[in-house]
PDB file of N, CA and C in Angstrom:
ATOM      1  N   MET A   1       3.760-107.292 -50.465  1.00  0.00           N
ATOM      2  CA  MET A   1       4.427-106.054 -50.809  1.00  0.00           C
ATOM      3  C   MET A   1       3.475-104.862 -50.701  1.00  0.00           C
ATOM      4  N   TRP A   2       2.247-105.027 -51.168  1.00  0.00           N
ATOM      5  CA  TRP A   2       1.286-103.927 -51.103  1.00  0.00           C
ATOM      6  C   TRP A   2       0.958-103.578 -49.656  1.00  0.00           C
ATOM      7  N   LEU A   3       1.066-104.549 -48.763  1.00  0.00           N
ATOM      8  CA  LEU A   3       0.793-104.293 -47.351  1.00  0.00           C
ATOM      9  C   LEU A   3       1.827-103.323 -46.762  1.00  0.00           C
ATOM     10  N   LEU A   4       3.063-103.395 -47.223  1.00  0.00           N
ATOM     11  CA  LEU A   4       4.084-102.462 -46.762  1.00  0.00           C
ATOM     12  C   LEU A   4       3.776-101.030 -47.207  1.00  0.00           C
ATOM     13  N   PHE A   5       3.278-100.887 -48.434  1.00  0.00           N
ATOM     14  CA  PHE A   5       2.907 -99.554 -48.924  1.00  0.00           C
ATOM     15  C   PHE A   5       1.720 -98.994 -48.145  1.00  0.00           C
ATOM     16  N   VAL A   6       0.766 -99.830 -47.827  1.00  0.00           N
ATOM     17  CA  VAL A   6      -0.383 -99.378 -47.034  1.00  0.00           C
ATOM     18  C   VAL A   6       0.082 -98.942 -45.653  1.00  0.00           C
ATOM     19  N   GLU A   7       0.933 -99.727 -45.037  1.00  0.00           N
ATOM     20  CA  GLU A   7       1.431 -99.387 -43.704  1.00  0.00           C
ATOM     21  C   GLU A   7       2.264 -98.107 -43.743  1.00  0.00           C
ATOM     22  N   ALA A   8       3.094 -97.954 -44.756  1.00  0.00           N
ATOM     23  CA  ALA A   8       3.895 -96.734 -44.888  1.00  0.00           C
ATOM     24  C   ALA A   8       2.998 -95.518 -45.135  1.00  0.00           C
ATOM     25  N   GLY A   9       1.944 -95.694 -45.913  1.00  0.00           N
ATOM     26  CA  GLY A   9       1.004 -94.593 -46.160  1.00  0.00           C
ATOM     27  C   GLY A   9       0.285 -94.173 -44.891  1.00  0.00           C
ATOM     28  N   ILE A  10      -0.129 -95.145 -44.095  1.00  0.00           N
ATOM     29  CA  ILE A  10      -0.800 -94.835 -42.827  1.00  0.00           C
ATOM     30  C   ILE A  10       0.163 -94.120 -41.884  1.00  0.00           C
ATOM     31  N   ALA A  11       1.409 -94.586 -41.823  1.00  0.00           N
ATOM     32  CA  ALA A  11       2.403 -93.940 -40.965  1.00  0.00           C
ATOM     33  C   ALA A  11       2.663 -92.503 -41.413  1.00  0.00           C
ATOM     34  N   LEU A  12       2.738 -92.277 -42.712  1.00  0.00           N
ATOM     35  CA  LEU A  12       2.950 -90.925 -43.222  1.00  0.00           C
ATOM     36  C   LEU A  12       1.759 -90.030 -42.905  1.00  0.00           C
ATOM     37  N   PHE A  13       0.556 -90.555 -43.085  1.00  0.00           N
ATOM     38  CA  PHE A  13      -0.646 -89.797 -42.758  1.00  0.00           C
ATOM     39  C   PHE A  13      -0.659 -89.425 -41.278  1.00  0.00           C
ATOM     40  N   LEU A  14      -0.336 -90.361 -40.406  1.00  0.00           N
ATOM     41  CA  LEU A  14      -0.324 -90.077 -38.977  1.00  0.00           C
ATOM     42  C   LEU A  14       0.723 -89.021 -38.627  1.00  0.00           C
ATOM     43  N   LEU A  15       1.881 -89.097 -39.254  1.00  0.00           N
ATOM     44  CA  LEU A  15       2.921 -88.106 -38.997  1.00  0.00           C
ATOM     45  C   LEU A  15       2.444 -86.708 -39.390  1.00  0.00           C
ATOM     46  N   ILE A  16       1.880 -86.581 -40.585  1.00  0.00           N
ATOM     47  CA  ILE A  16       1.397 -85.280 -41.055  1.00  0.00           C
ATOM     48  C   ILE A  16       0.258 -84.784 -40.177  1.00  0.00           C
ATOM     49  N   PHE A  17      -0.648 -85.681 -39.784  1.00  0.00           N
ATOM     50  CA  PHE A  17      -1.781 -85.296 -38.932  1.00  0.00           C
ATOM     51  C   PHE A  17      -1.303 -84.808 -37.570  1.00  0.00           C
ATOM     52  N   ILE A  18      -0.338 -85.482 -36.967  1.00  0.00           N
ATOM     53  CA  ILE A  18       0.158 -85.085 -35.650  1.00  0.00           C
ATOM     54  C   ILE A  18       0.852 -83.727 -35.726  1.00  0.00           C
ATOM     55  N   VAL A  19       1.639 -83.501 -36.766  1.00  0.00           N
ATOM     56  CA  VAL A  19       2.306 -82.204 -36.925  1.00  0.00           C
ATOM     57  C   VAL A  19       1.274 -81.102 -37.121  1.00  0.00           C
ATOM     58  N   TRP A  20       0.266 -81.341 -37.964  1.00  0.00           N
ATOM     59  CA  TRP A  20      -0.786 -80.353 -38.202  1.00  0.00           C
ATOM     60  C   TRP A  20      -1.557 -80.071 -36.923  1.00  0.00           C
ATOM     61  N   TRP A  21      -1.884 -81.093 -36.176  1.00  0.00           N
ATOM     62  CA  TRP A  21      -2.660 -80.938 -34.944  1.00  0.00           C
ATOM     63  C   TRP A  21      -1.892 -80.100 -33.925  1.00  0.00           C
ATOM     64  N   THR A  22      -0.607 -80.348 -33.793  1.00  0.00           N
ATOM     65  CA  THR A  22       0.169 -79.599 -32.802  1.00  0.00           C
ATOM     66  C   THR A  22       0.427 -78.164 -33.246  1.00  0.00           C
ATOM     67  N   MET A  23       0.428 -77.893 -34.534  1.00  0.00           N
ATOM     68  CA  MET A  23       0.640 -76.520 -34.993  1.00  0.00           C
ATOM     69  C   MET A  23      -0.567 -75.644 -34.705  1.00  0.00           C
ATOM     70  N   PHE A  24      -1.769 -76.177 -34.879  1.00  0.00           N
ATOM     71  CA  PHE A  24      -2.982 -75.362 -34.783  1.00  0.00           C
ATOM     72  C   PHE A  24      -3.809 -75.628 -33.540  1.00  0.00           C
ATOM     73  N   ALA A  25      -3.297 -76.368 -32.587  1.00  0.00           N
ATOM     74  CA  ALA A  25      -4.074 -76.685 -31.383  1.00  0.00           C
ATOM     75  C   ALA A  25      -3.739 -75.755 -30.228  1.00  0.00           C
ATOM     76  N   GLY A  26      -3.085 -74.626 -30.489  1.00  0.00           N
ATOM     77  CA  GLY A  26      -2.727 -73.697 -29.421  1.00  0.00           C
ATOM     78  C   GLY A  26      -3.956 -73.047 -28.822  1.00  0.00           C
ATOM     79  N   ARG A  27      -3.770 -72.437 -27.669  1.00  0.00           N
ATOM     80  CA  ARG A  27      -4.874 -71.775 -26.986  1.00  0.00           C
ATOM     81  C   ARG A  27      -5.284 -70.520 -27.748  1.00  0.00           C
ATOM     82  N   LYS A  28      -6.574 -70.312 -27.901  1.00  0.00           N
ATOM     83  CA  LYS A  28      -7.093 -69.143 -28.595  1.00  0.00           C
ATOM     84  C   LYS A  28      -7.028 -67.939 -27.658  1.00  0.00           C
ATOM     85  N   PRO A  29      -6.742 -66.744 -28.179  1.00  0.00           N
ATOM     86  CA  PRO A  29      -6.719 -65.562 -27.303  1.00  0.00           C
ATOM     87  C   PRO A  29      -8.115 -65.260 -26.773  1.00  0.00           C
ATOM     88  N   THR A  30      -8.188 -64.842 -25.497  1.00  0.00           N
ATOM     89  CA  THR A  30      -9.480 -64.587 -24.875  1.00  0.00           C
ATOM     90  C   THR A  30      -9.939 -63.151 -25.063  1.00  0.00           C
ATOM     91  N   HIS A  31      -9.059 -62.291 -25.515  1.00  0.00           N
ATOM     92  CA  HIS A  31      -9.421 -60.896 -25.729  1.00  0.00           C
ATOM     93  C   HIS A  31      -8.984 -60.462 -27.123  1.00  0.00           C
ATOM     94  N   PRO A  32      -9.660 -59.479 -27.692  1.00  0.00           N
ATOM     95  CA  PRO A  32      -9.262 -59.020 -29.034  1.00  0.00           C
ATOM     96  C   PRO A  32      -7.911 -58.325 -28.979  1.00  0.00           C
ATOM     97  N   PRO A  33      -7.183 -58.331 -30.089  1.00  0.00           N
ATOM     98  CA  PRO A  33      -5.873 -57.660 -30.104  1.00  0.00           C
ATOM     99  C   PRO A  33      -6.020 -56.160 -29.895  1.00  0.00           C
ATOM    100  N   LYS A  34      -4.986 -55.565 -29.314  1.00  0.00           N
ATOM    101  CA  LYS A  34      -5.029 -54.127 -29.046  1.00  0.00           C
ATOM    102  C   LYS A  34      -4.970 -53.355 -30.355  1.00  0.00           C
ATOM    103  N   ARG A  35      -5.715 -52.254 -30.389  1.00  0.00           N
ATOM    104  CA  ARG A  35      -5.688 -51.390 -31.560  1.00  0.00           C
ATOM    105  C   ARG A  35      -4.458 -50.501 -31.491  1.00  0.00           C
ATOM    106  N   GLU A  36      -3.969 -50.125 -32.656  1.00  0.00           N
ATOM    107  CA  GLU A  36      -2.827 -49.213 -32.696  1.00  0.00           C
ATOM    108  C   GLU A  36      -3.263 -47.842 -32.211  1.00  0.00           C
ATOM    109  N   GLN A  37      -2.454 -47.264 -31.359  1.00  0.00           N
ATOM    110  CA  GLN A  37      -2.767 -45.920 -30.893  1.00  0.00           C
ATOM    111  C   GLN A  37      -1.972 -44.927 -31.725  1.00  0.00           C
ATOM    112  N   ARG A  38      -2.693 -44.012 -32.345  1.00  0.00           N
ATOM    113  CA  ARG A  38      -2.052 -43.003 -33.161  1.00  0.00           C
ATOM    114  C   ARG A  38      -1.893 -41.726 -32.349  1.00  0.00           C
ATOM    115  N   PRO A  39      -0.816 -40.988 -32.572  1.00  0.00           N
ATOM    116  CA  PRO A  39      -0.659 -39.712 -31.846  1.00  0.00           C
ATOM    117  C   PRO A  39      -1.724 -38.731 -32.310  1.00  0.00           C
ATOM    118  N   PRO A  40      -2.150 -37.840 -31.437  1.00  0.00           N
ATOM    119  CA  PRO A  40      -3.199 -36.881 -31.842  1.00  0.00           C
ATOM    120  C   PRO A  40      -2.688 -35.974 -32.960  1.00  0.00           C
ATOM    121  N   GLU A  41      -3.579 -35.712 -33.895  1.00  0.00           N
ATOM    122  CA  GLU A  41      -3.204 -34.852 -35.015  1.00  0.00           C
ATOM    123  C   GLU A  41      -3.201 -33.398 -34.565  1.00  0.00           C
ATOM    124  N   LYS A  42      -2.335 -32.616 -35.189  1.00  0.00           N
ATOM    125  CA  LYS A  42      -2.280 -31.193 -34.848  1.00  0.00           C
ATOM    126  C   LYS A  42      -3.520 -30.504 -35.406  1.00  0.00           C
ATOM    127  N   ASP A  43      -3.916 -29.468 -34.715  1.00  0.00           N
ATOM    128  CA  ASP A  43      -5.065 -28.705 -35.164  1.00  0.00           C
ATOM    129  C   ASP A  43      -4.736 -27.981 -36.468  1.00  0.00           C
ATOM    130  N   LYS A  44      -5.571 -28.158 -37.481  1.00  0.00           N
ATOM    131  CA  LYS A  44      -5.324 -27.564 -38.790  1.00  0.00           C
ATOM    132  C   LYS A  44      -5.478 -26.043 -38.766  1.00  0.00           C
ATOM    133  N   THR A  45      -6.228 -25.514 -37.786  1.00  0.00           N
ATOM    134  CA  THR A  45      -6.465 -24.068 -37.743  1.00  0.00           C
ATOM    135  C   THR A  45      -5.321 -23.323 -37.090  1.00  0.00           C
ATOM    136  N   ASP A  46      -4.386 -24.046 -36.512  1.00  0.00           N
ATOM    137  CA  ASP A  46      -3.254 -23.386 -35.841  1.00  0.00           C
ATOM    138  C   ASP A  46      -2.285 -22.858 -36.901  1.00  0.00           C
ATOM    139  N   THR A  47      -2.160 -21.536 -36.996  1.00  0.00           N
ATOM    140  CA  THR A  47      -1.256 -20.935 -37.988  1.00  0.00           C
ATOM    141  C   THR A  47      -0.038 -20.348 -37.317  1.00  0.00           C
ATOM    142  N   HIS A  48       0.109 -20.566 -36.024  1.00  0.00           N
ATOM    143  CA  HIS A  48       1.263 -20.040 -35.294  1.00  0.00           C
ATOM    144  C   HIS A  48       2.464 -20.950 -35.540  1.00  0.00           C
ATOM    145  N   TYR A  49       3.526 -20.370 -36.091  1.00  0.00           N
ATOM    146  CA  TYR A  49       4.719 -21.158 -36.366  1.00  0.00           C
ATOM    147  C   TYR A  49       5.673 -20.941 -35.274  1.00  0.00           C
TER     148      TYR A  49
END
């Protein structure tokens, strides 16, 4: 009976390991992510409305 529990535990471990491996085994990005581009700020000295 204990052998069935050991086998079931190993099967569960393998299932969890395979799912974890496939989730995090993707290709890493080769370049850094793009920075957000902000619109240029208006000149503070401009008083013309």
